Amino acid sequence: MTGILGDGAISYEKAKELAQSDDPAVRAALAERKDLSPELLYFLAEDASVDVRRAVAVNEAAPRQTDILLAHDADADVRGGLAQKIAQVAPDLSAEASEKVRAQTHEALEMLANDQITKVRAILSEALKDVVDAPPDIIKRLANDIEIEVSGPILEYSPVLTEEDLIEIIENGPASGGVAAIARRDGVSENLADAIIGTDDVEGIADLLGNGSAQIREEALDDLIDRSASQELWQPPLVARKQLPEGAAQRMAGFIAENLLHELSKRADLDAPTMAAVKEVVRDRLATGEAPDKKALNAGFDFLKVDPPLDTAKRLNAAGKLHDKVVIKALQAGDHAFVFAAMIERAGVDLALARKIFIEKNPSGIVALLGKAKMPASMVMMVQQQMGRIAPSEIIEPEDDKTFPMSDEDIDWNIEFFSTMAERA
């Protein structure tokens, strides 16, 4: 827009005249100038045109008083532009800057961090995520935001957050996806890794395992390897992880998904005896089409032949972490044993009852179990197809992803019916 006014200097009197032009494009071009006097920029910050106010919001030459004014602006894009600008300017305030200027800048940042529009807070978060000298109280406020779009960048990248801060955020329960964001940080310590693992956040642990800079205690890693037999989401990052406990590769060869066997057998860090043992297990599996140890059978292929991870599901549920997103992601990853355990835990039914429903391949029973577990309608067809192996003509279809296809009365009737069948069996 500055082309409207040319590139040369403009006198104060001429600028004052242009600031009152009837053409908003002229006023906006004027508001972009870095050589405009502070009082004229403040005047333009109250302009009726949104374009003019946006131009002032992103202008680094605008006086700090305009930040407070524009932080209250009715237009979210004005506030968003201000958030990006002020986040970049704030850390550069010199020690000589007046206390008043620093206070005004901090007040504007605080207002933007509390903005009711997620987009504005997200812009501020993105701008501050790498800033070493960002105000700690603003960073902590953004890190605890309920929207992952806002908290995610700070949790994953901000150098301002200490290990103690991050552990406290984990203990208090961050936004959904927050644990995973922390798990992706560069240089995760053993203590922080312990806190992440303690949440039983499936996605977060997968990201932790895939983080090559994360330090994980050997005993904790060993436990995760055993648990990965029924948690397929963890298998790819484990196979790719540089250092594995002794004997881990051979154990993993017995249950990991077939597409990962080749990757495991190519690891360069395995000694000759271990490599020979791994290749033997791989040959046996490829020859027979199954894992040699039935107990370690890949849960994604036949969840009824393994013990479902009920303890894990119970811990997640007690911590308020067994939410729909986790279960859906496990279903998409083919971790049917975990989905089965989640359904049982959330429905509060016996394992025998749930097994009976799937053994009978009854679509009404499966849908009733999902309904009892308060699972979303979007899972209904997937579970019938993938886990129930229901014929297409018999599948119960919901009207849409939000409307569950069975009434509460029918859900209770089916659960009682299969409960009786399970008891008789």
Foldseek 3Di string as FASTA:
>chain_A
DLVVVDDDDDDLVRLVVQCPDPDVVSLLSSLQDLPHDQVSLLVQCPDPDPSNVLSVLQRLNHALVSLVVQLPDPDLSSLQNNLLRLLVVLQVDDPPDDPVRNVSSVVSLVSQCVDPDPNSLLSNQVNNQAPQRPDLVSLLSQCQDQDCSRNLSNLQGHPSQDLVSNLVSLVVPGHVCSLLSNLQHAQAEQVSLVSSVLLLQLNNPLSNLQRQNHDHDQVSQLVVLLVCLLRQSNPVSPLVHQDHDPPSLLVNLQRHDLVCLVSNLPRPPDDDVSSVSSVVQNVVCVVVVFGPDQQSTRCLQPVLSYQQPLVSLLSNVVSVNLDQVSLVVSLVSSSVSPNLSNLCNLLVHDPLLSSLCLVVLQLLLQLLSCVSSVHWLLCSQSCSVRRSVHDPVRRDHDPDRHGRRDDPVSSVVSSVVSVVVSVVD
